[in-house]
């Protein structure tokens, strides 16, 4: 803030409050980008920030409030940032609801992670009892991932699945997610319909 009392960012004045993006949300984005700063999307040179911001953008597009938007940008912190207890503390600093949502979107917070299939089956099963806020953040995450997989299938064909865990089955996982979301009446119907459409394209490009 300048001496005149007006808010200035990088030399540019910004409107007075209330802002569409609060300082708390801006701080959450900063924390997320710092925690994932050295990470890349699996098998690519794309900064992991792409996924965090993409998930948050989708969540906002489908009606996320501030807690849900913050959880969306921090959703992978506990699962993928080391040291995990420190990541949990960073998430908890944004409040109990943000921590609850991030934990609900976390399929493992230990190293080494449990085997892929039972871990994913447990995550899918918990969606049956998840509330609307959890389902929104989770589905936003899965939609962004599914869109990325479809884009890579168009570029590279089914060989792109070689970058994943050899024990994984992404086609089974994403179709199972769609089924689980559709079975929970609290899920955002329009978001799940879009995920269903993208997963259908994934299946088509992967050859069924």
N, C-alpha and C. Protein backbone atom coordinates (compact mmCIF):
# COMPACT_ATOMS: atom_id res chain seq x y z
N UNK A 1 0.86 -1.18 0.00
CA UNK A 1 0.00 0.00 0.00
C UNK A 1 0.89 1.23 0.00
N UNK A 2 0.54 2.21 -0.80
CA UNK A 2 1.32 3.43 -0.89
C UNK A 2 1.03 4.33 0.29
N UNK A 3 1.85 5.40 0.42
CA UNK A 3 1.66 6.34 1.51
C UNK A 3 0.33 7.06 1.42
N UNK A 4 -0.24 7.15 0.23
CA UNK A 4 -1.51 7.84 0.05
C UNK A 4 -2.70 7.01 0.54
N UNK A 5 -2.43 5.75 0.93
CA UNK A 5 -3.50 4.89 1.40
C UNK A 5 -4.14 4.07 0.31
N UNK A 6 -3.71 4.26 -0.94
CA UNK A 6 -4.25 3.49 -2.05
C UNK A 6 -3.44 2.20 -2.21
N UNK A 7 -4.13 1.12 -2.59
CA UNK A 7 -3.45 -0.15 -2.79
C UNK A 7 -2.72 -0.13 -4.13
N UNK A 8 -1.46 -0.54 -4.09
CA UNK A 8 -0.63 -0.57 -5.29
C UNK A 8 0.09 -1.91 -5.33
N UNK A 9 0.03 -2.60 -6.46
CA UNK A 9 0.73 -3.86 -6.67
C UNK A 9 1.63 -3.71 -7.88
N UNK A 10 2.93 -3.93 -7.66
CA UNK A 10 3.91 -3.82 -8.75
C UNK A 10 3.78 -2.49 -9.49
N UNK A 11 3.52 -1.46 -8.74
CA UNK A 11 3.44 -0.13 -9.34
C UNK A 11 2.10 0.23 -9.93
N UNK A 12 1.15 -0.70 -9.88
CA UNK A 12 -0.15 -0.45 -10.49
C UNK A 12 -1.23 -0.31 -9.41
N UNK A 13 -2.00 0.76 -9.42
CA UNK A 13 -3.07 0.90 -8.43
C UNK A 13 -4.17 -0.12 -8.68
N UNK A 14 -4.76 -0.63 -7.61
CA UNK A 14 -5.87 -1.56 -7.73
C UNK A 14 -7.07 -0.98 -6.98
N UNK A 15 -8.27 -1.42 -7.32
CA UNK A 15 -9.47 -0.83 -6.72
C UNK A 15 -9.49 -1.04 -5.22
N UNK A 16 -10.22 -0.21 -4.51
CA UNK A 16 -10.37 -0.40 -3.06
C UNK A 16 -11.17 -1.66 -2.78
N UNK A 17 -11.11 -2.11 -1.53
CA UNK A 17 -11.92 -3.26 -1.14
C UNK A 17 -13.40 -2.92 -1.23
N UNK A 18 -14.32 -3.90 -1.38
CA UNK A 18 -14.03 -5.34 -1.35
C UNK A 18 -13.49 -5.85 -2.68
N UNK A 19 -12.53 -6.77 -2.59
CA UNK A 19 -11.95 -7.37 -3.78
C UNK A 19 -12.63 -8.70 -4.08
N UNK A 20 -12.65 -9.05 -5.36
CA UNK A 20 -13.17 -10.37 -5.73
C UNK A 20 -12.26 -11.46 -5.18
N UNK A 21 -10.95 -11.19 -5.18
CA UNK A 21 -9.98 -12.12 -4.61
C UNK A 21 -9.44 -11.52 -3.32
N UNK A 22 -9.72 -12.15 -2.20
CA UNK A 22 -9.31 -11.61 -0.92
C UNK A 22 -7.82 -11.88 -0.67
N UNK A 23 -7.21 -11.15 0.25
CA UNK A 23 -5.82 -11.43 0.61
C UNK A 23 -5.60 -12.88 1.04
N UNK A 24 -6.60 -13.48 1.71
CA UNK A 24 -6.48 -14.88 2.14
C UNK A 24 -6.37 -15.81 0.94
N UNK A 25 -7.19 -15.61 -0.08
CA UNK A 25 -7.12 -16.43 -1.28
C UNK A 25 -5.79 -16.22 -2.00
N UNK A 26 -5.37 -14.97 -2.11
CA UNK A 26 -4.10 -14.68 -2.78
C UNK A 26 -2.95 -15.36 -2.05
N UNK A 27 -2.98 -15.35 -0.73
CA UNK A 27 -1.94 -16.01 0.05
C UNK A 27 -1.97 -17.52 -0.17
N UNK A 28 -3.14 -18.11 -0.29
CA UNK A 28 -3.24 -19.55 -0.55
C UNK A 28 -2.61 -19.91 -1.89
N UNK A 29 -2.84 -19.09 -2.90
CA UNK A 29 -2.21 -19.34 -4.21
C UNK A 29 -0.70 -19.26 -4.07
N UNK A 30 -0.21 -18.26 -3.35
CA UNK A 30 1.24 -18.11 -3.16
C UNK A 30 1.82 -19.34 -2.46
N UNK A 31 1.17 -19.77 -1.38
CA UNK A 31 1.65 -20.93 -0.63
C UNK A 31 1.67 -22.17 -1.51
N UNK A 32 0.61 -22.38 -2.27
CA UNK A 32 0.55 -23.55 -3.14
C UNK A 32 1.68 -23.53 -4.17
N UNK A 33 1.91 -22.38 -4.78
CA UNK A 33 2.95 -22.30 -5.81
C UNK A 33 4.33 -22.51 -5.21
N UNK A 34 4.55 -22.03 -4.00
CA UNK A 34 5.84 -22.23 -3.35
C UNK A 34 6.03 -23.70 -3.00
N UNK A 35 5.01 -24.34 -2.43
CA UNK A 35 5.15 -25.74 -2.01
C UNK A 35 5.40 -26.67 -3.19
N UNK A 36 4.81 -26.38 -4.34
CA UNK A 36 4.96 -27.25 -5.52
C UNK A 36 5.96 -26.70 -6.54
N UNK A 37 6.78 -25.74 -6.11
CA UNK A 37 7.62 -24.99 -7.06
C UNK A 37 8.56 -25.87 -7.87
N UNK A 38 9.05 -26.96 -7.30
CA UNK A 38 10.03 -27.79 -8.01
C UNK A 38 9.39 -28.95 -8.77
N UNK A 39 8.08 -29.09 -8.69
CA UNK A 39 7.40 -30.23 -9.30
C UNK A 39 6.95 -29.94 -10.72
N UNK A 40 6.88 -31.02 -11.50
CA UNK A 40 6.37 -30.95 -12.87
C UNK A 40 5.25 -31.96 -13.03
N UNK A 41 4.39 -31.73 -14.02
CA UNK A 41 3.36 -32.72 -14.34
C UNK A 41 4.03 -34.01 -14.79
N UNK A 42 3.47 -35.13 -14.40
CA UNK A 42 4.10 -36.43 -14.62
C UNK A 42 4.49 -36.64 -16.08
N UNK A 43 5.80 -36.92 -16.28
CA UNK A 43 6.29 -37.22 -17.61
C UNK A 43 6.38 -36.02 -18.54
N UNK A 44 6.30 -34.80 -18.00
CA UNK A 44 6.34 -33.59 -18.83
C UNK A 44 7.25 -32.55 -18.19
N UNK A 45 7.42 -31.44 -18.90
CA UNK A 45 8.15 -30.30 -18.34
C UNK A 45 7.18 -29.21 -17.87
N UNK A 46 5.88 -29.52 -17.83
CA UNK A 46 4.86 -28.54 -17.44
C UNK A 46 4.92 -28.32 -15.93
N UNK A 47 5.04 -27.08 -15.48
CA UNK A 47 5.05 -26.84 -14.03
C UNK A 47 3.77 -27.35 -13.38
N UNK A 48 3.91 -27.91 -12.19
CA UNK A 48 2.74 -28.45 -11.50
C UNK A 48 1.71 -27.37 -11.19
N UNK A 49 2.16 -26.12 -11.16
CA UNK A 49 1.24 -25.01 -10.94
C UNK A 49 0.09 -25.03 -11.95
N UNK A 50 0.34 -25.54 -13.14
CA UNK A 50 -0.71 -25.62 -14.16
C UNK A 50 -1.92 -26.39 -13.62
N UNK A 51 -1.66 -27.51 -12.95
CA UNK A 51 -2.77 -28.33 -12.43
C UNK A 51 -3.46 -27.64 -11.25
N UNK A 52 -2.69 -27.04 -10.37
CA UNK A 52 -3.28 -26.38 -9.20
C UNK A 52 -4.19 -25.24 -9.62
N UNK A 53 -3.70 -24.40 -10.53
CA UNK A 53 -4.49 -23.26 -10.98
C UNK A 53 -5.66 -23.72 -11.84
N UNK A 54 -5.44 -24.77 -12.63
CA UNK A 54 -6.53 -25.29 -13.46
C UNK A 54 -7.66 -25.86 -12.62
N UNK A 55 -7.30 -26.60 -11.58
CA UNK A 55 -8.32 -27.16 -10.68
C UNK A 55 -9.10 -26.06 -9.99
N UNK A 56 -8.38 -25.05 -9.52
CA UNK A 56 -9.03 -23.92 -8.86
C UNK A 56 -9.95 -23.18 -9.82
N UNK A 57 -9.51 -22.99 -11.06
CA UNK A 57 -10.32 -22.31 -12.06
C UNK A 57 -11.62 -23.07 -12.31
N UNK A 58 -11.53 -24.39 -12.45
CA UNK A 58 -12.73 -25.20 -12.68
C UNK A 58 -13.67 -25.10 -11.48
N UNK A 59 -13.13 -25.20 -10.28
CA UNK A 59 -13.96 -25.11 -9.09
C UNK A 59 -14.70 -23.77 -9.05
N UNK A 60 -14.00 -22.69 -9.36
CA UNK A 60 -14.64 -21.37 -9.38
C UNK A 60 -15.70 -21.30 -10.48
N UNK A 61 -15.41 -21.89 -11.64
CA UNK A 61 -16.39 -21.89 -12.73
C UNK A 61 -17.70 -22.56 -12.31
N UNK A 62 -17.59 -23.55 -11.41
CA UNK A 62 -18.77 -24.30 -11.00
C UNK A 62 -19.28 -23.89 -9.61
N UNK A 63 -18.93 -22.67 -9.19
CA UNK A 63 -19.56 -22.09 -8.02
C UNK A 63 -18.84 -22.20 -6.70
N UNK A 64 -17.55 -22.48 -6.69
CA UNK A 64 -16.82 -22.61 -5.44
C UNK A 64 -16.84 -21.31 -4.65
N UNK A 65 -16.98 -21.43 -3.32
CA UNK A 65 -16.78 -20.28 -2.46
C UNK A 65 -15.29 -20.16 -2.13
N UNK A 66 -14.94 -19.24 -1.25
CA UNK A 66 -13.50 -19.01 -1.01
C UNK A 66 -12.83 -20.23 -0.38
N UNK A 67 -13.44 -20.85 0.62
CA UNK A 67 -12.84 -22.04 1.23
C UNK A 67 -12.62 -23.13 0.19
N UNK A 68 -13.61 -23.34 -0.67
CA UNK A 68 -13.50 -24.38 -1.69
C UNK A 68 -12.45 -24.04 -2.75
N UNK A 69 -12.35 -22.77 -3.11
CA UNK A 69 -11.32 -22.35 -4.07
C UNK A 69 -9.93 -22.53 -3.48
N UNK A 70 -9.78 -22.18 -2.21
CA UNK A 70 -8.49 -22.36 -1.54
C UNK A 70 -8.14 -23.84 -1.45
N UNK A 71 -9.11 -24.66 -1.08
CA UNK A 71 -8.87 -26.10 -1.03
C UNK A 71 -8.49 -26.64 -2.41
N UNK A 72 -9.10 -26.11 -3.46
CA UNK A 72 -8.77 -26.57 -4.82
C UNK A 72 -7.32 -26.28 -5.17
N UNK A 73 -6.83 -25.11 -4.81
CA UNK A 73 -5.45 -24.78 -5.17
C UNK A 73 -4.44 -25.50 -4.26
N UNK A 74 -4.91 -25.94 -3.08
CA UNK A 74 -4.03 -26.66 -2.15
C UNK A 74 -4.30 -28.16 -2.12
N UNK A 75 -5.15 -28.67 -3.03
CA UNK A 75 -5.68 -30.02 -2.86
C UNK A 75 -4.62 -31.11 -2.87
N UNK A 76 -3.48 -30.89 -3.50
CA UNK A 76 -2.44 -31.92 -3.57
C UNK A 76 -1.32 -31.71 -2.56
N UNK A 77 -1.42 -30.69 -1.72
CA UNK A 77 -0.31 -30.36 -0.83
C UNK A 77 0.02 -31.50 0.13
N UNK A 78 -0.98 -32.05 0.80
CA UNK A 78 -0.73 -33.10 1.79
C UNK A 78 -0.31 -34.40 1.12
N UNK A 79 -0.86 -34.66 -0.05
CA UNK A 79 -0.56 -35.92 -0.76
C UNK A 79 0.80 -35.91 -1.44
N UNK A 80 1.21 -34.77 -1.98
CA UNK A 80 2.37 -34.77 -2.87
C UNK A 80 3.53 -33.89 -2.45
N UNK A 81 3.39 -33.15 -1.37
CA UNK A 81 4.49 -32.28 -0.94
C UNK A 81 5.19 -32.92 0.25
N UNK A 82 6.50 -32.93 0.18
CA UNK A 82 7.29 -33.46 1.29
C UNK A 82 7.93 -32.25 2.01
N UNK A 83 7.86 -32.20 3.22
CA UNK A 83 7.52 -33.14 4.26
C UNK A 83 6.03 -33.03 4.59
N UNK A 84 5.27 -34.13 4.55
CA UNK A 84 3.82 -34.09 4.65
C UNK A 84 3.28 -33.41 5.91
N UNK A 85 3.83 -33.67 7.12
CA UNK A 85 3.30 -32.95 8.29
C UNK A 85 3.41 -31.44 8.14
N UNK A 86 4.50 -30.96 7.56
CA UNK A 86 4.64 -29.53 7.33
C UNK A 86 3.62 -29.02 6.34
N UNK A 87 3.31 -29.82 5.32
CA UNK A 87 2.29 -29.44 4.35
C UNK A 87 0.92 -29.38 5.01
N UNK A 88 0.65 -30.33 5.89
CA UNK A 88 -0.63 -30.33 6.60
C UNK A 88 -0.77 -29.06 7.43
N UNK A 89 0.29 -28.65 8.09
CA UNK A 89 0.25 -27.42 8.89
C UNK A 89 0.00 -26.20 8.01
N UNK A 90 0.62 -26.18 6.83
CA UNK A 90 0.42 -25.05 5.92
C UNK A 90 -1.03 -24.97 5.46
N UNK A 91 -1.63 -26.12 5.18
CA UNK A 91 -3.04 -26.15 4.77
C UNK A 91 -3.93 -25.74 5.94
N UNK A 92 -3.64 -26.28 7.13
CA UNK A 92 -4.47 -25.99 8.31
C UNK A 92 -4.48 -24.51 8.65
N UNK A 93 -3.44 -23.78 8.25
CA UNK A 93 -3.39 -22.35 8.54
C UNK A 93 -4.53 -21.58 7.87
N UNK A 94 -5.16 -22.19 6.85
CA UNK A 94 -6.27 -21.55 6.15
C UNK A 94 -7.63 -21.93 6.74
N UNK A 95 -7.63 -22.68 7.84
CA UNK A 95 -8.88 -22.95 8.54
C UNK A 95 -9.31 -24.40 8.48
N UNK A 96 -10.20 -24.74 9.40
CA UNK A 96 -10.66 -26.13 9.53
C UNK A 96 -11.37 -26.64 8.28
N UNK A 97 -12.16 -25.79 7.63
CA UNK A 97 -12.91 -26.26 6.47
C UNK A 97 -11.97 -26.55 5.30
N UNK A 98 -10.98 -25.69 5.09
CA UNK A 98 -10.01 -25.95 4.02
C UNK A 98 -9.26 -27.24 4.30
N UNK A 99 -8.82 -27.44 5.54
CA UNK A 99 -8.11 -28.68 5.88
C UNK A 99 -9.01 -29.89 5.65
N UNK A 100 -10.27 -29.80 6.05
CA UNK A 100 -11.20 -30.92 5.85
C UNK A 100 -11.34 -31.27 4.38
N UNK A 101 -11.48 -30.26 3.54
CA UNK A 101 -11.66 -30.51 2.11
C UNK A 101 -10.40 -31.11 1.49
N UNK A 102 -9.25 -30.58 1.86
CA UNK A 102 -8.00 -31.11 1.30
C UNK A 102 -7.78 -32.55 1.74
N UNK A 103 -8.02 -32.84 3.01
CA UNK A 103 -7.88 -34.22 3.48
C UNK A 103 -8.85 -35.14 2.73
N UNK A 104 -10.05 -34.67 2.45
CA UNK A 104 -11.03 -35.49 1.74
C UNK A 104 -10.62 -35.74 0.30
N UNK A 105 -9.76 -34.89 -0.25
CA UNK A 105 -9.27 -35.07 -1.62
C UNK A 105 -7.91 -35.75 -1.67
N UNK A 106 -7.43 -36.23 -0.54
CA UNK A 106 -6.11 -36.85 -0.42
C UNK A 106 -6.28 -38.36 -0.35
N UNK A 107 -5.63 -39.08 -1.26
CA UNK A 107 -5.79 -40.54 -1.22
C UNK A 107 -4.67 -41.23 -0.45
N UNK A 108 -3.62 -40.48 -0.07
CA UNK A 108 -2.55 -41.03 0.76
C UNK A 108 -1.71 -39.88 1.29
N UNK A 109 -1.31 -39.99 2.56
CA UNK A 109 -0.45 -38.95 3.13
C UNK A 109 0.77 -39.57 3.80
N UNK A 110 1.16 -40.76 3.30
CA UNK A 110 2.32 -41.44 3.86
C UNK A 110 3.27 -41.85 2.75
N UNK A 111 4.51 -42.13 3.13
CA UNK A 111 5.53 -42.63 2.21
C UNK A 111 6.11 -43.91 2.78
N UNK A 112 6.23 -44.97 1.97
CA UNK A 112 5.75 -45.04 0.59
C UNK A 112 4.23 -45.11 0.55
N UNK A 113 3.66 -44.70 -0.56
CA UNK A 113 2.21 -44.76 -0.71
C UNK A 113 1.75 -46.22 -0.79
N UNK A 114 0.54 -46.50 -0.31
CA UNK A 114 -0.01 -47.86 -0.48
C UNK A 114 -0.10 -48.21 -1.96
N UNK A 115 -0.32 -49.49 -2.25
CA UNK A 115 -0.43 -49.94 -3.63
C UNK A 115 -1.52 -49.16 -4.36
N UNK A 116 -1.32 -48.97 -5.66
CA UNK A 116 -2.17 -48.08 -6.44
C UNK A 116 -3.64 -48.50 -6.42
N UNK A 117 -3.95 -49.75 -6.75
CA UNK A 117 -5.35 -50.16 -6.92
C UNK A 117 -6.15 -50.05 -5.62
N UNK A 118 -5.70 -50.63 -4.51
CA UNK A 118 -6.51 -50.49 -3.29
C UNK A 118 -6.62 -49.04 -2.82
N UNK A 119 -5.59 -48.25 -3.07
CA UNK A 119 -5.66 -46.83 -2.69
C UNK A 119 -6.75 -46.12 -3.48
N UNK A 120 -6.80 -46.37 -4.77
CA UNK A 120 -7.82 -45.73 -5.60
C UNK A 120 -9.22 -46.27 -5.30
N UNK A 121 -9.33 -47.57 -5.01
CA UNK A 121 -10.63 -48.13 -4.66
C UNK A 121 -11.17 -47.50 -3.38
N UNK A 122 -10.28 -47.27 -2.41
CA UNK A 122 -10.70 -46.61 -1.16
C UNK A 122 -11.16 -45.19 -1.43
N UNK A 123 -10.44 -44.48 -2.29
CA UNK A 123 -10.83 -43.10 -2.61
C UNK A 123 -12.20 -43.07 -3.30
N UNK A 124 -12.39 -43.95 -4.25
CA UNK A 124 -13.67 -44.01 -4.96
C UNK A 124 -14.80 -44.32 -3.99
N UNK A 125 -14.57 -45.27 -3.09
CA UNK A 125 -15.62 -45.67 -2.15
C UNK A 125 -16.03 -44.52 -1.24
N UNK A 126 -15.09 -43.67 -0.87
CA UNK A 126 -15.42 -42.59 0.07
C UNK A 126 -16.29 -41.52 -0.59
N UNK A 127 -16.32 -41.48 -1.91
CA UNK A 127 -17.15 -40.49 -2.60
C UNK A 127 -18.64 -40.73 -2.38
N UNK A 128 -19.02 -41.94 -2.06
CA UNK A 128 -20.43 -42.25 -1.84
C UNK A 128 -21.00 -41.48 -0.66
N UNK A 129 -20.14 -41.10 0.29
CA UNK A 129 -20.59 -40.43 1.51
C UNK A 129 -20.10 -38.98 1.59
N UNK A 130 -19.46 -38.50 0.54
CA UNK A 130 -18.90 -37.15 0.55
C UNK A 130 -20.00 -36.10 0.38
N UNK A 131 -19.78 -34.93 0.94
CA UNK A 131 -20.76 -33.85 0.81
C UNK A 131 -20.48 -33.03 -0.45
N UNK A 132 -21.33 -32.06 -0.71
CA UNK A 132 -21.27 -31.30 -1.96
C UNK A 132 -19.96 -30.56 -2.12
N UNK A 133 -19.43 -30.01 -1.03
CA UNK A 133 -18.18 -29.24 -1.11
C UNK A 133 -17.02 -30.14 -1.49
N UNK A 134 -16.92 -31.29 -0.86
CA UNK A 134 -15.86 -32.25 -1.20
C UNK A 134 -15.98 -32.69 -2.66
N UNK A 135 -17.19 -33.00 -3.08
CA UNK A 135 -17.41 -33.48 -4.44
C UNK A 135 -17.04 -32.42 -5.47
N UNK A 136 -17.31 -31.16 -5.17
CA UNK A 136 -16.95 -30.09 -6.09
C UNK A 136 -15.45 -30.01 -6.28
N UNK A 137 -14.70 -29.98 -5.19
CA UNK A 137 -13.25 -29.86 -5.29
C UNK A 137 -12.65 -31.11 -5.93
N UNK A 138 -13.12 -32.28 -5.51
CA UNK A 138 -12.61 -33.52 -6.07
C UNK A 138 -12.88 -33.61 -7.57
N UNK A 139 -14.10 -33.31 -7.98
CA UNK A 139 -14.45 -33.41 -9.40
C UNK A 139 -13.69 -32.38 -10.23
N UNK A 140 -13.44 -31.20 -9.68
CA UNK A 140 -12.65 -30.20 -10.40
C UNK A 140 -11.23 -30.73 -10.65
N UNK A 141 -10.65 -31.35 -9.64
CA UNK A 141 -9.33 -31.97 -9.77
C UNK A 141 -9.35 -33.04 -10.86
N UNK A 142 -10.33 -33.92 -10.82
CA UNK A 142 -10.36 -35.03 -11.77
C UNK A 142 -10.65 -34.53 -13.19
N UNK A 143 -11.47 -33.50 -13.32
CA UNK A 143 -11.74 -32.97 -14.65
C UNK A 143 -10.48 -32.37 -15.27
N UNK A 144 -9.73 -31.62 -14.48
CA UNK A 144 -8.50 -31.04 -15.04
C UNK A 144 -7.53 -32.14 -15.45
N UNK A 145 -7.37 -33.16 -14.60
CA UNK A 145 -6.50 -34.28 -14.97
C UNK A 145 -6.99 -34.99 -16.23
N UNK A 146 -8.30 -35.22 -16.30
CA UNK A 146 -8.85 -35.92 -17.46
C UNK A 146 -8.64 -35.12 -18.74
N UNK A 147 -8.83 -33.82 -18.67
CA UNK A 147 -8.57 -32.97 -19.85
C UNK A 147 -7.12 -33.06 -20.27
N UNK A 148 -6.20 -33.10 -19.30
CA UNK A 148 -4.78 -33.19 -19.63
C UNK A 148 -4.46 -34.52 -20.30
N UNK A 149 -5.05 -35.61 -19.81
CA UNK A 149 -4.83 -36.92 -20.41
C UNK A 149 -5.37 -36.94 -21.84
N UNK A 150 -6.54 -36.39 -22.05
CA UNK A 150 -7.12 -36.35 -23.40
C UNK A 150 -6.21 -35.55 -24.34
N UNK A 151 -5.70 -34.43 -23.87
CA UNK A 151 -4.81 -33.62 -24.71
C UNK A 151 -3.55 -34.41 -25.08
N UNK A 152 -3.02 -35.16 -24.13
CA UNK A 152 -1.82 -35.94 -24.42
C UNK A 152 -2.13 -37.14 -25.31
N UNK A 153 -3.30 -37.72 -25.17
CA UNK A 153 -3.70 -38.80 -26.08
C UNK A 153 -3.78 -38.29 -27.51
N UNK A 154 -4.27 -37.08 -27.69
CA UNK A 154 -4.34 -36.51 -29.03
C UNK A 154 -2.95 -36.26 -29.59
N UNK A 155 -2.02 -35.87 -28.73
CA UNK A 155 -0.66 -35.57 -29.20
C UNK A 155 0.15 -36.84 -29.45
N UNK A 156 0.04 -37.81 -28.52
CA UNK A 156 0.98 -38.93 -28.50
C UNK A 156 0.34 -40.30 -28.65
N UNK A 157 -0.99 -40.38 -28.58
CA UNK A 157 -1.64 -41.67 -28.65
C UNK A 157 -1.52 -42.43 -27.33
N UNK A 158 -2.01 -43.68 -27.28
CA UNK A 158 -2.02 -44.46 -26.04
C UNK A 158 -0.65 -44.68 -25.41
N UNK A 159 0.42 -44.48 -26.18
CA UNK A 159 1.76 -44.65 -25.59
C UNK A 159 2.00 -43.71 -24.42
N UNK A 160 1.21 -42.62 -24.34
CA UNK A 160 1.42 -41.67 -23.25
C UNK A 160 1.13 -42.28 -21.89
N UNK A 161 0.37 -43.38 -21.85
CA UNK A 161 0.08 -44.02 -20.57
C UNK A 161 1.34 -44.62 -19.95
N UNK A 162 2.40 -44.73 -20.74
CA UNK A 162 3.66 -45.26 -20.22
C UNK A 162 4.28 -44.42 -19.13
N UNK A 163 3.85 -43.16 -19.02
CA UNK A 163 4.41 -42.29 -17.98
C UNK A 163 3.81 -42.57 -16.60
N UNK A 164 2.70 -43.34 -16.57
CA UNK A 164 2.03 -43.61 -15.31
C UNK A 164 2.60 -44.84 -14.61
N UNK A 165 2.26 -44.98 -13.36
CA UNK A 165 2.61 -46.16 -12.59
C UNK A 165 2.24 -47.41 -13.39
N UNK A 166 3.16 -48.36 -13.55
CA UNK A 166 2.84 -49.55 -14.37
C UNK A 166 1.68 -50.37 -13.82
N UNK A 167 1.38 -50.21 -12.53
CA UNK A 167 0.26 -50.94 -11.93
C UNK A 167 -1.06 -50.20 -12.08
N UNK A 168 -1.02 -49.00 -12.65
CA UNK A 168 -2.23 -48.19 -12.72
C UNK A 168 -3.09 -48.56 -13.93
N UNK A 169 -4.34 -48.12 -13.86
CA UNK A 169 -5.30 -48.33 -14.94
C UNK A 169 -6.15 -47.06 -15.03
N UNK A 170 -5.61 -46.01 -15.68
CA UNK A 170 -6.30 -44.73 -15.70
C UNK A 170 -7.70 -44.77 -16.29
N UNK A 171 -7.92 -45.58 -17.32
CA UNK A 171 -9.24 -45.64 -17.92
C UNK A 171 -10.25 -46.19 -16.92
N UNK A 172 -9.90 -47.28 -16.25
CA UNK A 172 -10.78 -47.83 -15.21
C UNK A 172 -11.02 -46.79 -14.12
N UNK A 173 -9.97 -46.10 -13.69
CA UNK A 173 -10.08 -45.17 -12.58
C UNK A 173 -11.03 -44.02 -12.91
N UNK A 174 -10.85 -43.41 -14.06
CA UNK A 174 -11.69 -42.25 -14.38
C UNK A 174 -13.13 -42.63 -14.66
N UNK A 175 -13.36 -43.78 -15.27
CA UNK A 175 -14.75 -44.21 -15.47
C UNK A 175 -15.39 -44.55 -14.12
N UNK A 176 -14.61 -45.15 -13.21
CA UNK A 176 -15.14 -45.48 -11.89
C UNK A 176 -15.44 -44.21 -11.10
N UNK A 177 -14.62 -43.19 -11.26
CA UNK A 177 -14.89 -41.91 -10.61
C UNK A 177 -16.21 -41.32 -11.10
N UNK A 178 -16.40 -41.33 -12.41
CA UNK A 178 -17.66 -40.80 -12.96
C UNK A 178 -18.85 -41.54 -12.36
N UNK A 179 -18.77 -42.87 -12.33
CA UNK A 179 -19.86 -43.67 -11.78
C UNK A 179 -20.14 -43.32 -10.32
N UNK A 180 -19.06 -43.14 -9.54
CA UNK A 180 -19.21 -42.81 -8.13
C UNK A 180 -19.81 -41.42 -7.94
N UNK A 181 -19.34 -40.46 -8.72
CA UNK A 181 -19.91 -39.11 -8.63
C UNK A 181 -21.39 -39.12 -9.00
N UNK A 182 -21.72 -39.82 -10.07
CA UNK A 182 -23.12 -39.85 -10.53
C UNK A 182 -24.04 -40.49 -9.50
N UNK A 183 -23.51 -41.39 -8.69
CA UNK A 183 -24.33 -42.09 -7.70
C UNK A 183 -24.61 -41.26 -6.46
N UNK A 184 -23.88 -40.16 -6.30
CA UNK A 184 -24.07 -39.32 -5.11
C UNK A 184 -24.90 -38.10 -5.50
N UNK A 185 -26.12 -37.96 -4.99
CA UNK A 185 -26.98 -36.85 -5.39
C UNK A 185 -26.44 -35.48 -4.99
N UNK A 186 -25.45 -35.44 -4.11
CA UNK A 186 -24.88 -34.15 -3.71
C UNK A 186 -23.86 -33.63 -4.73
N UNK A 187 -23.48 -34.45 -5.70
CA UNK A 187 -22.47 -34.04 -6.68
C UNK A 187 -23.03 -32.98 -7.62
N UNK A 188 -22.18 -32.04 -8.07
CA UNK A 188 -22.63 -31.00 -9.00
C UNK A 188 -22.89 -31.61 -10.38
N UNK A 189 -24.15 -31.70 -10.77
CA UNK A 189 -24.53 -32.47 -11.95
C UNK A 189 -23.87 -31.97 -13.23
N UNK A 190 -23.78 -30.65 -13.41
CA UNK A 190 -23.20 -30.13 -14.65
C UNK A 190 -21.71 -30.40 -14.73
N UNK A 191 -21.03 -30.32 -13.60
CA UNK A 191 -19.59 -30.64 -13.58
C UNK A 191 -19.37 -32.11 -13.86
N UNK A 192 -20.17 -32.97 -13.27
CA UNK A 192 -20.01 -34.41 -13.50
C UNK A 192 -20.36 -34.78 -14.94
N UNK A 193 -21.32 -34.09 -15.52
CA UNK A 193 -21.65 -34.34 -16.92
C UNK A 193 -20.47 -34.00 -17.82
N UNK A 194 -19.78 -32.92 -17.50
CA UNK A 194 -18.59 -32.55 -18.29
C UNK A 194 -17.47 -33.56 -18.08
N UNK A 195 -17.28 -34.02 -16.85
CA UNK A 195 -16.27 -35.06 -16.60
C UNK A 195 -16.62 -36.33 -17.37
N UNK A 196 -17.87 -36.72 -17.37
CA UNK A 196 -18.32 -37.90 -18.11
C UNK A 196 -18.00 -37.76 -19.60
N UNK A 197 -18.25 -36.56 -20.14
CA UNK A 197 -17.98 -36.33 -21.56
C UNK A 197 -16.49 -36.46 -21.87
N UNK A 198 -15.65 -35.88 -21.01
CA UNK A 198 -14.20 -35.92 -21.23
C UNK A 198 -13.67 -37.34 -21.06
N UNK A 199 -14.17 -38.06 -20.07
CA UNK A 199 -13.73 -39.44 -19.89
C UNK A 199 -14.16 -40.31 -21.07
N UNK A 200 -15.33 -40.04 -21.62
CA UNK A 200 -15.75 -40.75 -22.83
C UNK A 200 -14.79 -40.52 -23.98
N UNK A 201 -14.33 -39.28 -24.11
CA UNK A 201 -13.33 -38.97 -25.15
C UNK A 201 -12.01 -39.68 -24.85
N UNK A 202 -11.65 -39.74 -23.59
CA UNK A 202 -10.44 -40.46 -23.18
C UNK A 202 -10.53 -41.93 -23.62
N UNK A 203 -11.67 -42.55 -23.34
CA UNK A 203 -11.86 -43.95 -23.70
C UNK A 203 -11.79 -44.14 -25.21
N UNK A 204 -12.38 -43.22 -25.95
CA UNK A 204 -12.39 -43.33 -27.42
C UNK A 204 -10.97 -43.23 -27.97
N UNK A 205 -10.20 -42.26 -27.47
CA UNK A 205 -8.84 -42.04 -27.97
C UNK A 205 -7.90 -43.17 -27.56
N UNK A 206 -8.21 -43.79 -26.42
CA UNK A 206 -7.37 -44.91 -25.94
C UNK A 206 -7.75 -46.22 -26.62
N UNK A 207 -8.76 -46.19 -27.45
CA UNK A 207 -9.16 -47.39 -28.17
C UNK A 207 -10.09 -48.26 -27.38
N UNK A 208 -10.95 -47.61 -26.56
CA UNK A 208 -11.94 -48.38 -25.82
C UNK A 208 -11.50 -48.72 -24.42
